[in-house]
PDB file of N, CA and C in Angstrom:
ATOM      1  N   MET A   1       1.522  -5.988   2.185  1.00  0.00           N
ATOM      2  CA  MET A   1       0.170  -6.466   1.981  1.00  0.00           C
ATOM      3  C   MET A   1      -0.778  -5.306   1.817  1.00  0.00           C
ATOM      4  N   SER A   2      -1.768  -5.516   1.006  1.00  0.00           N
ATOM      5  CA  SER A   2      -2.777  -4.511   0.736  1.00  0.00           C
ATOM      6  C   SER A   2      -4.129  -5.059   1.195  1.00  0.00           C
ATOM      7  N   ARG A   3      -4.995  -4.168   1.660  1.00  0.00           N
ATOM      8  CA  ARG A   3      -6.274  -4.589   2.218  1.00  0.00           C
ATOM      9  C   ARG A   3      -7.425  -3.957   1.449  1.00  0.00           C
ATOM     10  N   ILE A   4      -8.457  -4.753   1.207  1.00  0.00           N
ATOM     11  CA  ILE A   4      -9.710  -4.275   0.621  1.00  0.00           C
ATOM     12  C   ILE A   4     -10.786  -4.429   1.682  1.00  0.00           C
ATOM     13  N   GLU A   5     -11.595  -3.403   1.847  1.00  0.00           N
ATOM     14  CA  GLU A   5     -12.712  -3.462   2.791  1.00  0.00           C
ATOM     15  C   GLU A   5     -13.904  -2.761   2.154  1.00  0.00           C
ATOM     16  N   ILE A   6     -15.018  -3.495   2.039  1.00  0.00           N
ATOM     17  CA  ILE A   6     -16.222  -2.985   1.382  1.00  0.00           C
ATOM     18  C   ILE A   6     -17.434  -3.325   2.232  1.00  0.00           C
ATOM     19  N   GLN A   7     -18.291  -2.360   2.423  1.00  0.00           N
ATOM     20  CA  GLN A   7     -19.589  -2.563   3.063  1.00  0.00           C
ATOM     21  C   GLN A   7     -20.633  -2.331   1.973  1.00  0.00           C
ATOM     22  N   HIS A   8     -21.478  -3.340   1.699  1.00  0.00           N
ATOM     23  CA  HIS A   8     -22.459  -3.227   0.618  1.00  0.00           C
ATOM     24  C   HIS A   8     -23.853  -3.556   1.141  1.00  0.00           C
ATOM     25  N   PRO A   9     -24.851  -2.711   0.851  1.00  0.00           N
ATOM     26  CA  PRO A   9     -26.213  -2.991   1.332  1.00  0.00           C
ATOM     27  C   PRO A   9     -26.760  -4.284   0.726  1.00  0.00           C
ATOM     28  N   ASN A  10     -27.630  -4.947   1.484  1.00  0.00           N
ATOM     29  CA  ASN A  10     -28.216  -6.208   1.048  1.00  0.00           C
ATOM     30  C   ASN A  10     -29.626  -6.332   1.620  1.00  0.00           C
ATOM     31  N   SER A  11     -30.602  -6.530   0.736  1.00  0.00           N
ATOM     32  CA  SER A  11     -31.988  -6.677   1.191  1.00  0.00           C
ATOM     33  C   SER A  11     -32.523  -8.086   0.950  1.00  0.00           C
ATOM     34  N   LYS A  12     -31.664  -9.004   0.530  1.00  0.00           N
ATOM     35  CA  LYS A  12     -32.088 -10.382   0.304  1.00  0.00           C
ATOM     36  C   LYS A  12     -32.253 -11.116   1.638  1.00  0.00           C
ATOM     37  N   THR A  13     -33.014 -12.203   1.599  1.00  0.00           N
ATOM     38  CA  THR A  13     -33.132 -13.053   2.780  1.00  0.00           C
ATOM     39  C   THR A  13     -31.789 -13.759   2.994  1.00  0.00           C
ATOM     40  N   PRO A  14     -31.546 -14.272   4.192  1.00  0.00           N
ATOM     41  CA  PRO A  14     -30.289 -15.005   4.408  1.00  0.00           C
ATOM     42  C   PRO A  14     -30.116 -16.178   3.436  1.00  0.00           C
ATOM     43  N   GLU A  15     -31.201 -16.879   3.114  1.00  0.00           N
ATOM     44  CA  GLU A  15     -31.112 -18.011   2.189  1.00  0.00           C
ATOM     45  C   GLU A  15     -30.738 -17.535   0.785  1.00  0.00           C
ATOM     46  N   GLN A  16     -31.367 -16.450   0.323  1.00  0.00           N
ATOM     47  CA  GLN A  16     -31.050 -15.904  -0.993  1.00  0.00           C
ATOM     48  C   GLN A  16     -29.609 -15.391  -1.037  1.00  0.00           C
ATOM     49  N   THR A  17     -29.190 -14.763   0.047  1.00  0.00           N
ATOM     50  CA  THR A  17     -27.821 -14.241   0.117  1.00  0.00           C
ATOM     51  C   THR A  17     -26.813 -15.372   0.054  1.00  0.00           C
ATOM     52  N   ARG A  18     -27.047 -16.405   0.823  1.00  0.00           N
ATOM     53  CA  ARG A  18     -26.134 -17.556   0.845  1.00  0.00           C
ATOM     54  C   ARG A  18     -26.052 -18.194  -0.542  1.00  0.00           C
ATOM     55  N   GLU A  19     -27.182 -18.346  -1.209  1.00  0.00           N
ATOM     56  CA  GLU A  19     -27.212 -18.934  -2.546  1.00  0.00           C
ATOM     57  C   GLU A  19     -26.430 -18.063  -3.538  1.00  0.00           C
ATOM     58  N   ALA A  20     -26.633 -16.756  -3.501  1.00  0.00           N
ATOM     59  CA  ALA A  20     -25.921 -15.847  -4.411  1.00  0.00           C
ATOM     60  C   ALA A  20     -24.419 -15.863  -4.137  1.00  0.00           C
ATOM     61  N   LEU A  21     -24.039 -15.909  -2.852  1.00  0.00           N
ATOM     62  CA  LEU A  21     -22.616 -15.949  -2.511  1.00  0.00           C
ATOM     63  C   LEU A  21     -21.975 -17.256  -2.958  1.00  0.00           C
ATOM     64  N   GLU A  22     -22.718 -18.345  -2.904  1.00  0.00           N
ATOM     65  CA  GLU A  22     -22.201 -19.624  -3.398  1.00  0.00           C
ATOM     66  C   GLU A  22     -21.917 -19.536  -4.898  1.00  0.00           C
ATOM     67  N   GLU A  23     -22.811 -18.874  -5.643  1.00  0.00           N
ATOM     68  CA  GLU A  23     -22.594 -18.697  -7.081  1.00  0.00           C
ATOM     69  C   GLU A  23     -21.338 -17.871  -7.341  1.00  0.00           C
ATOM     70  N   VAL A  24     -21.186 -16.781  -6.597  1.00  0.00           N
ATOM     71  CA  VAL A  24     -20.006 -15.926  -6.743  1.00  0.00           C
ATOM     72  C   VAL A  24     -18.740 -16.722  -6.420  1.00  0.00           C
ATOM     73  N   ALA A  25     -18.772 -17.476  -5.319  1.00  0.00           N
ATOM     74  CA  ALA A  25     -17.606 -18.265  -4.918  1.00  0.00           C
ATOM     75  C   ALA A  25     -17.272 -19.319  -5.970  1.00  0.00           C
ATOM     76  N   GLY A  26     -18.282 -19.921  -6.571  1.00  0.00           N
ATOM     77  CA  GLY A  26     -18.058 -20.903  -7.625  1.00  0.00           C
ATOM     78  C   GLY A  26     -17.343 -20.295  -8.826  1.00  0.00           C
ATOM     79  N   LYS A  27     -17.747 -19.079  -9.189  1.00  0.00           N
ATOM     80  CA  LYS A  27     -17.094 -18.393 -10.304  1.00  0.00           C
ATOM     81  C   LYS A  27     -15.653 -18.047  -9.958  1.00  0.00           C
ATOM     82  N   LEU A  28     -15.425 -17.589  -8.715  1.00  0.00           N
ATOM     83  CA  LEU A  28     -14.054 -17.284  -8.284  1.00  0.00           C
ATOM     84  C   LEU A  28     -13.193 -18.535  -8.329  1.00  0.00           C
ATOM     85  N   SER A  29     -13.770 -19.640  -7.908  1.00  0.00           N
ATOM     86  CA  SER A  29     -13.037 -20.896  -7.889  1.00  0.00           C
ATOM     87  C   SER A  29     -12.645 -21.332  -9.295  1.00  0.00           C
ATOM     88  N   SER A  30     -13.595 -21.300 -10.215  1.00  0.00           N
ATOM     89  CA  SER A  30     -13.287 -21.752 -11.573  1.00  0.00           C
ATOM     90  C   SER A  30     -12.381 -20.773 -12.314  1.00  0.00           C
ATOM     91  N   ARG A  31     -12.505 -19.502 -12.014  1.00  0.00           N
ATOM     92  CA  ARG A  31     -11.733 -18.486 -12.740  1.00  0.00           C
ATOM     93  C   ARG A  31     -10.334 -18.275 -12.171  1.00  0.00           C
ATOM     94  N   PHE A  32     -10.216 -18.309 -10.825  1.00  0.00           N
ATOM     95  CA  PHE A  32      -8.949 -17.958 -10.190  1.00  0.00           C
ATOM     96  C   PHE A  32      -8.385 -19.044  -9.272  1.00  0.00           C
ATOM     97  N   GLY A  33      -9.047 -20.174  -9.151  1.00  0.00           N
ATOM     98  CA  GLY A  33      -8.555 -21.230  -8.285  1.00  0.00           C
ATOM     99  C   GLY A  33      -8.694 -20.924  -6.805  1.00  0.00           C
ATOM    100  N   VAL A  34      -9.653 -20.084  -6.468  1.00  0.00           N
ATOM    101  CA  VAL A  34      -9.883 -19.699  -5.072  1.00  0.00           C
ATOM    102  C   VAL A  34     -10.786 -20.742  -4.421  1.00  0.00           C
ATOM    103  N   SER A  35     -10.410 -21.212  -3.244  1.00  0.00           N
ATOM    104  CA  SER A  35     -11.258 -22.152  -2.510  1.00  0.00           C
ATOM    105  C   SER A  35     -12.053 -21.381  -1.458  1.00  0.00           C
ATOM    106  N   HIS A  36     -13.153 -21.978  -0.989  1.00  0.00           N
ATOM    107  CA  HIS A  36     -13.985 -21.292  -0.007  1.00  0.00           C
ATOM    108  C   HIS A  36     -14.648 -22.284   0.946  1.00  0.00           C
ATOM    109  N   HIS A  37     -15.079 -21.770   2.074  1.00  0.00           N
ATOM    110  CA  HIS A  37     -15.866 -22.554   3.024  1.00  0.00           C
ATOM    111  C   HIS A  37     -16.686 -21.589   3.879  1.00  0.00           C
ATOM    112  N   TRP A  38     -17.748 -22.093   4.466  1.00  0.00           N
ATOM    113  CA  TRP A  38     -18.599 -21.287   5.341  1.00  0.00           C
ATOM    114  C   TRP A  38     -18.150 -21.447   6.785  1.00  0.00           C
ATOM    115  N   ASP A  39     -18.138 -20.340   7.493  1.00  0.00           N
ATOM    116  CA  ASP A  39     -17.876 -20.307   8.933  1.00  0.00           C
ATOM    117  C   ASP A  39     -19.045 -19.541   9.537  1.00  0.00           C
ATOM    118  N   GLY A  40     -20.127 -20.250   9.859  1.00  0.00           N
ATOM    119  CA  GLY A  40     -21.348 -19.593  10.315  1.00  0.00           C
ATOM    120  C   GLY A  40     -21.958 -18.811   9.161  1.00  0.00           C
ATOM    121  N   ASP A  41     -22.157 -17.515   9.353  1.00  0.00           N
ATOM    122  CA  ASP A  41     -22.710 -16.646   8.310  1.00  0.00           C
ATOM    123  C   ASP A  41     -21.620 -15.898   7.542  1.00  0.00           C
ATOM    124  N   THR A  42     -20.422 -16.438   7.543  1.00  0.00           N
ATOM    125  CA  THR A  42     -19.306 -15.813   6.841  1.00  0.00           C
ATOM    126  C   THR A  42     -18.716 -16.784   5.828  1.00  0.00           C
ATOM    127  N   LEU A  43     -18.585 -16.308   4.603  1.00  0.00           N
ATOM    128  CA  LEU A  43     -17.935 -17.083   3.547  1.00  0.00           C
ATOM    129  C   LEU A  43     -16.465 -16.703   3.538  1.00  0.00           C
ATOM    130  N   ALA A  44     -15.610 -17.654   3.856  1.00  0.00           N
ATOM    131  CA  ALA A  44     -14.157 -17.410   3.851  1.00  0.00           C
ATOM    132  C   ALA A  44     -13.597 -17.967   2.550  1.00  0.00           C
ATOM    133  N   PHE A  45     -12.664 -17.228   1.942  1.00  0.00           N
ATOM    134  CA  PHE A  45     -12.054 -17.686   0.697  1.00  0.00           C
ATOM    135  C   PHE A  45     -10.561 -17.419   0.724  1.00  0.00           C
ATOM    136  N   ASN A  46      -9.822 -18.250   0.003  1.00  0.00           N
ATOM    137  CA  ASN A  46      -8.380 -18.020  -0.131  1.00  0.00           C
ATOM    138  C   ASN A  46      -7.864 -18.677  -1.392  1.00  0.00           C
ATOM    139  N   GLY A  47      -6.774 -18.132  -1.843  1.00  0.00           N
ATOM    140  CA  GLY A  47      -6.121 -18.622  -3.041  1.00  0.00           C
ATOM    141  C   GLY A  47      -4.734 -18.014  -3.104  1.00  0.00           C
ATOM    142  N   ALA A  48      -4.078 -18.183  -4.222  1.00  0.00           N
ATOM    143  CA  ALA A  48      -2.729 -17.655  -4.378  1.00  0.00           C
ATOM    144  C   ALA A  48      -2.739 -16.134  -4.259  1.00  0.00           C
ATOM    145  N   GLY A  49      -2.215 -15.631  -3.167  1.00  0.00           N
ATOM    146  CA  GLY A  49      -2.071 -14.190  -2.989  1.00  0.00           C
ATOM    147  C   GLY A  49      -3.275 -13.459  -2.467  1.00  0.00           C
ATOM    148  N   VAL A  50      -4.323 -14.179  -2.070  1.00  0.00           N
ATOM    149  CA  VAL A  50      -5.512 -13.505  -1.528  1.00  0.00           C
ATOM    150  C   VAL A  50      -6.162 -14.367  -0.443  1.00  0.00           C
ATOM    151  N   GLU A  51      -6.626 -13.688   0.587  1.00  0.00           N
ATOM    152  CA  GLU A  51      -7.377 -14.330   1.665  1.00  0.00           C
ATOM    153  C   GLU A  51      -8.429 -13.342   2.120  1.00  0.00           C
ATOM    154  N   GLY A  52      -9.682 -13.808   2.219  1.00  0.00           N
ATOM    155  CA  GLY A  52     -10.723 -12.860   2.591  1.00  0.00           C
ATOM    156  C   GLY A  52     -11.957 -13.507   3.162  1.00  0.00           C
ATOM    157  N   ARG A  53     -12.941 -12.628   3.479  1.00  0.00           N
ATOM    158  CA  ARG A  53     -14.189 -13.062   4.077  1.00  0.00           C
ATOM    159  C   ARG A  53     -15.314 -12.162   3.581  1.00  0.00           C
ATOM    160  N   ILE A  54     -16.492 -12.756   3.434  1.00  0.00           N
ATOM    161  CA  ILE A  54     -17.704 -11.991   3.169  1.00  0.00           C
ATOM    162  C   ILE A  54     -18.678 -12.346   4.279  1.00  0.00           C
ATOM    163  N   ALA A  55     -18.892 -11.385   5.179  1.00  0.00           N
ATOM    164  CA  ALA A  55     -19.765 -11.605   6.332  1.00  0.00           C
ATOM    165  C   ALA A  55     -21.174 -11.120   6.011  1.00  0.00           C
ATOM    166  N   MET A  56     -22.156 -11.984   6.263  1.00  0.00           N
ATOM    167  CA  MET A  56     -23.557 -11.609   6.104  1.00  0.00           C
ATOM    168  C   MET A  56     -23.997 -10.891   7.374  1.00  0.00           C
ATOM    169  N   GLN A  57     -24.409  -9.647   7.229  1.00  0.00           N
ATOM    170  CA  GLN A  57     -24.930  -8.858   8.335  1.00  0.00           C
ATOM    171  C   GLN A  57     -26.416  -8.628   8.073  1.00  0.00           C
ATOM    172  N   PRO A  58     -27.192  -8.144   9.051  1.00  0.00           N
ATOM    173  CA  PRO A  58     -28.643  -8.005   8.857  1.00  0.00           C
ATOM    174  C   PRO A  58     -29.052  -7.269   7.574  1.00  0.00           C
ATOM    175  N   ASP A  59     -28.433  -6.160   7.246  1.00  0.00           N
ATOM    176  CA  ASP A  59     -28.821  -5.396   6.055  1.00  0.00           C
ATOM    177  C   ASP A  59     -27.648  -5.104   5.132  1.00  0.00           C
ATOM    178  N   ALA A  60     -26.560  -5.860   5.279  1.00  0.00           N
ATOM    179  CA  ALA A  60     -25.364  -5.550   4.496  1.00  0.00           C
ATOM    180  C   ALA A  60     -24.464  -6.769   4.380  1.00  0.00           C
ATOM    181  N   LEU A  61     -23.528  -6.658   3.453  1.00  0.00           N
ATOM    182  CA  LEU A  61     -22.433  -7.611   3.322  1.00  0.00           C
ATOM    183  C   LEU A  61     -21.156  -6.855   3.643  1.00  0.00           C
ATOM    184  N   HIS A  62     -20.281  -7.471   4.416  1.00  0.00           N
ATOM    185  CA  HIS A  62     -19.005  -6.852   4.753  1.00  0.00           C
ATOM    186  C   HIS A  62     -17.901  -7.712   4.162  1.00  0.00           C
ATOM    187  N   VAL A  63     -17.207  -7.159   3.174  1.00  0.00           N
ATOM    188  CA  VAL A  63     -16.145  -7.873   2.473  1.00  0.00           C
ATOM    189  C   VAL A  63     -14.798  -7.358   2.962  1.00  0.00           C
ATOM    190  N   THR A  64     -13.928  -8.275   3.346  1.00  0.00           N
ATOM    191  CA  THR A  64     -12.551  -7.921   3.678  1.00  0.00           C
ATOM    192  C   THR A  64     -11.639  -8.886   2.925  1.00  0.00           C
ATOM    193  N   ALA A  65     -10.544  -8.365   2.440  1.00  0.00           N
ATOM    194  CA  ALA A  65      -9.579  -9.211   1.732  1.00  0.00           C
ATOM    195  C   ALA A  65      -8.175  -8.669   1.952  1.00  0.00           C
ATOM    196  N   GLU A  66      -7.248  -9.566   2.158  1.00  0.00           N
ATOM    197  CA  GLU A  66      -5.829  -9.241   2.250  1.00  0.00           C
ATOM    198  C   GLU A  66      -5.166  -9.743   0.979  1.00  0.00           C
ATOM    199  N   LEU A  67      -4.470  -8.855   0.313  1.00  0.00           N
ATOM    200  CA  LEU A  67      -3.787  -9.210  -0.927  1.00  0.00           C
ATOM    201  C   LEU A  67      -2.296  -9.326  -0.671  1.00  0.00           C
ATOM    202  N   GLY A  68      -1.698 -10.381  -1.173  1.00  0.00           N
ATOM    203  CA  GLY A  68      -0.263 -10.563  -1.051  1.00  0.00           C
ATOM    204  C   GLY A  68       0.484  -9.555  -1.919  1.00  0.00           C
ATOM    205  N   PHE A  69       1.781  -9.596  -1.833  1.00  0.00           N
ATOM    206  CA  PHE A  69       2.637  -8.617  -2.514  1.00  0.00           C
ATOM    207  C   PHE A  69       2.331  -8.502  -4.010  1.00  0.00           C
ATOM    208  N   LEU A  70       2.295  -9.622  -4.714  1.00  0.00           N
ATOM    209  CA  LEU A  70       2.065  -9.573  -6.163  1.00  0.00           C
ATOM    210  C   LEU A  70       0.645  -9.125  -6.491  1.00  0.00           C
ATOM    211  N   MET A  71      -0.330  -9.583  -5.722  1.00  0.00           N
ATOM    212  CA  MET A  71      -1.724  -9.215  -5.978  1.00  0.00           C
ATOM    213  C   MET A  71      -2.017  -7.766  -5.603  1.00  0.00           C
ATOM    214  N   SER A  72      -1.229  -7.207  -4.707  1.00  0.00           N
ATOM    215  CA  SER A  72      -1.486  -5.831  -4.274  1.00  0.00           C
ATOM    216  C   SER A  72      -1.348  -4.844  -5.435  1.00  0.00           C
ATOM    217  N   ALA A  73      -0.565  -5.191  -6.440  1.00  0.00           N
ATOM    218  CA  ALA A  73      -0.436  -4.334  -7.622  1.00  0.00           C
ATOM    219  C   ALA A  73      -1.750  -4.271  -8.405  1.00  0.00           C
ATOM    220  N   MET A  74      -2.626  -5.248  -8.187  1.00  0.00           N
ATOM    221  CA  MET A  74      -3.910  -5.321  -8.886  1.00  0.00           C
ATOM    222  C   MET A  74      -5.075  -4.908  -7.989  1.00  0.00           C
ATOM    223  N   LYS A  75      -4.788  -4.237  -6.877  1.00  0.00           N
ATOM    224  CA  LYS A  75      -5.837  -3.894  -5.915  1.00  0.00           C
ATOM    225  C   LYS A  75      -6.996  -3.142  -6.565  1.00  0.00           C
ATOM    226  N   GLY A  76      -6.716  -2.125  -7.356  1.00  0.00           N
ATOM    227  CA  GLY A  76      -7.769  -1.324  -7.980  1.00  0.00           C
ATOM    228  C   GLY A  76      -8.720  -2.147  -8.821  1.00  0.00           C
ATOM    229  N   PRO A  77      -8.209  -2.904  -9.793  1.00  0.00           N
ATOM    230  CA  PRO A  77      -9.098  -3.729 -10.620  1.00  0.00           C
ATOM    231  C   PRO A  77      -9.838  -4.807  -9.819  1.00  0.00           C
ATOM    232  N   ILE A  78      -9.180  -5.394  -8.834  1.00  0.00           N
ATOM    233  CA  ILE A  78      -9.826  -6.425  -8.014  1.00  0.00           C
ATOM    234  C   ILE A  78     -10.980  -5.813  -7.227  1.00  0.00           C
ATOM    235  N   GLU A  79     -10.734  -4.674  -6.590  1.00  0.00           N
ATOM    236  CA  GLU A  79     -11.781  -4.013  -5.806  1.00  0.00           C
ATOM    237  C   GLU A  79     -12.940  -3.582  -6.714  1.00  0.00           C
ATOM    238  N   SER A  80     -12.630  -3.079  -7.895  1.00  0.00           N
ATOM    239  CA  SER A  80     -13.680  -2.682  -8.845  1.00  0.00           C
ATOM    240  C   SER A  80     -14.530  -3.876  -9.253  1.00  0.00           C
ATOM    241  N   GLU A  81     -13.899  -5.010  -9.485  1.00  0.00           N
ATOM    242  CA  GLU A  81     -14.636  -6.214  -9.871  1.00  0.00           C
ATOM    243  C   GLU A  81     -15.521  -6.707  -8.723  1.00  0.00           C
ATOM    244  N   ILE A  82     -15.027  -6.666  -7.504  1.00  0.00           N
ATOM    245  CA  ILE A  82     -15.833  -7.058  -6.347  1.00  0.00           C
ATOM    246  C   ILE A  82     -17.054  -6.150  -6.239  1.00  0.00           C
ATOM    247  N   ARG A  83     -16.858  -4.847  -6.348  1.00  0.00           N
ATOM    248  CA  ARG A  83     -17.976  -3.897  -6.277  1.00  0.00           C
ATOM    249  C   ARG A  83     -18.985  -4.130  -7.408  1.00  0.00           C
ATOM    250  N   ARG A  84     -18.495  -4.424  -8.605  1.00  0.00           N
ATOM    251  CA  ARG A  84     -19.381  -4.684  -9.738  1.00  0.00           C
ATOM    252  C   ARG A  84     -20.250  -5.910  -9.488  1.00  0.00           C
ATOM    253  N   VAL A  85     -19.629  -6.985  -9.016  1.00  0.00           N
ATOM    254  CA  VAL A  85     -20.369  -8.218  -8.760  1.00  0.00           C
ATOM    255  C   VAL A  85     -21.377  -8.015  -7.633  1.00  0.00           C
ATOM    256  N   LEU A  86     -20.998  -7.306  -6.595  1.00  0.00           N
ATOM    257  CA  LEU A  86     -21.927  -7.033  -5.494  1.00  0.00           C
ATOM    258  C   LEU A  86     -23.123  -6.215  -5.981  1.00  0.00           C
ATOM    259  N   SER A  87     -22.862  -5.216  -6.798  1.00  0.00           N
ATOM    260  CA  SER A  87     -23.942  -4.392  -7.338  1.00  0.00           C
ATOM    261  C   SER A  87     -24.867  -5.229  -8.228  1.00  0.00           C
ATOM    262  N   GLU A  88     -24.269  -6.110  -9.022  1.00  0.00           N
ATOM    263  CA  GLU A  88     -25.039  -6.960  -9.926  1.00  0.00           C
ATOM    264  C   GLU A  88     -25.911  -7.944  -9.156  1.00  0.00           C
ATOM    265  N   ARG A  89     -25.384  -8.535  -8.118  1.00  0.00           N
ATOM    266  CA  ARG A  89     -26.087  -9.592  -7.383  1.00  0.00           C
ATOM    267  C   ARG A  89     -26.942  -9.109  -6.204  1.00  0.00           C
ATOM    268  N   PHE A  90     -26.575  -7.951  -5.639  1.00  0.00           N
ATOM    269  CA  PHE A  90     -27.206  -7.550  -4.384  1.00  0.00           C
ATOM    270  C   PHE A  90     -27.796  -6.138  -4.395  1.00  0.00           C
ATOM    271  N   SER A  91     -28.158  -5.623  -5.563  1.00  0.00           N
ATOM    272  CA  SER A  91     -28.792  -4.303  -5.600  1.00  0.00           C
ATOM    273  C   SER A  91     -30.212  -4.401  -6.064  1.00  0.00           C
TER     274      SER A  91
END
């Protein structure tokens, strides 16, 4: 298993952050079949070969993801895409 861990600054309000994360999760769902649910201030997601969380912190987002064996070969591109989306939505 391979692990992704990203800390990204966030200056949005909790409501704005939650709304933006819902949009991101919707795109992940339609594109990759990933399902998601909220656990307090944490968006949990999972799908074939990936399980992760995006925790809303006071001034940051903390992303963690575990990639299964097949997905671990794509760790670099997956992590780059996560960073790109975070920069686009939360900078």
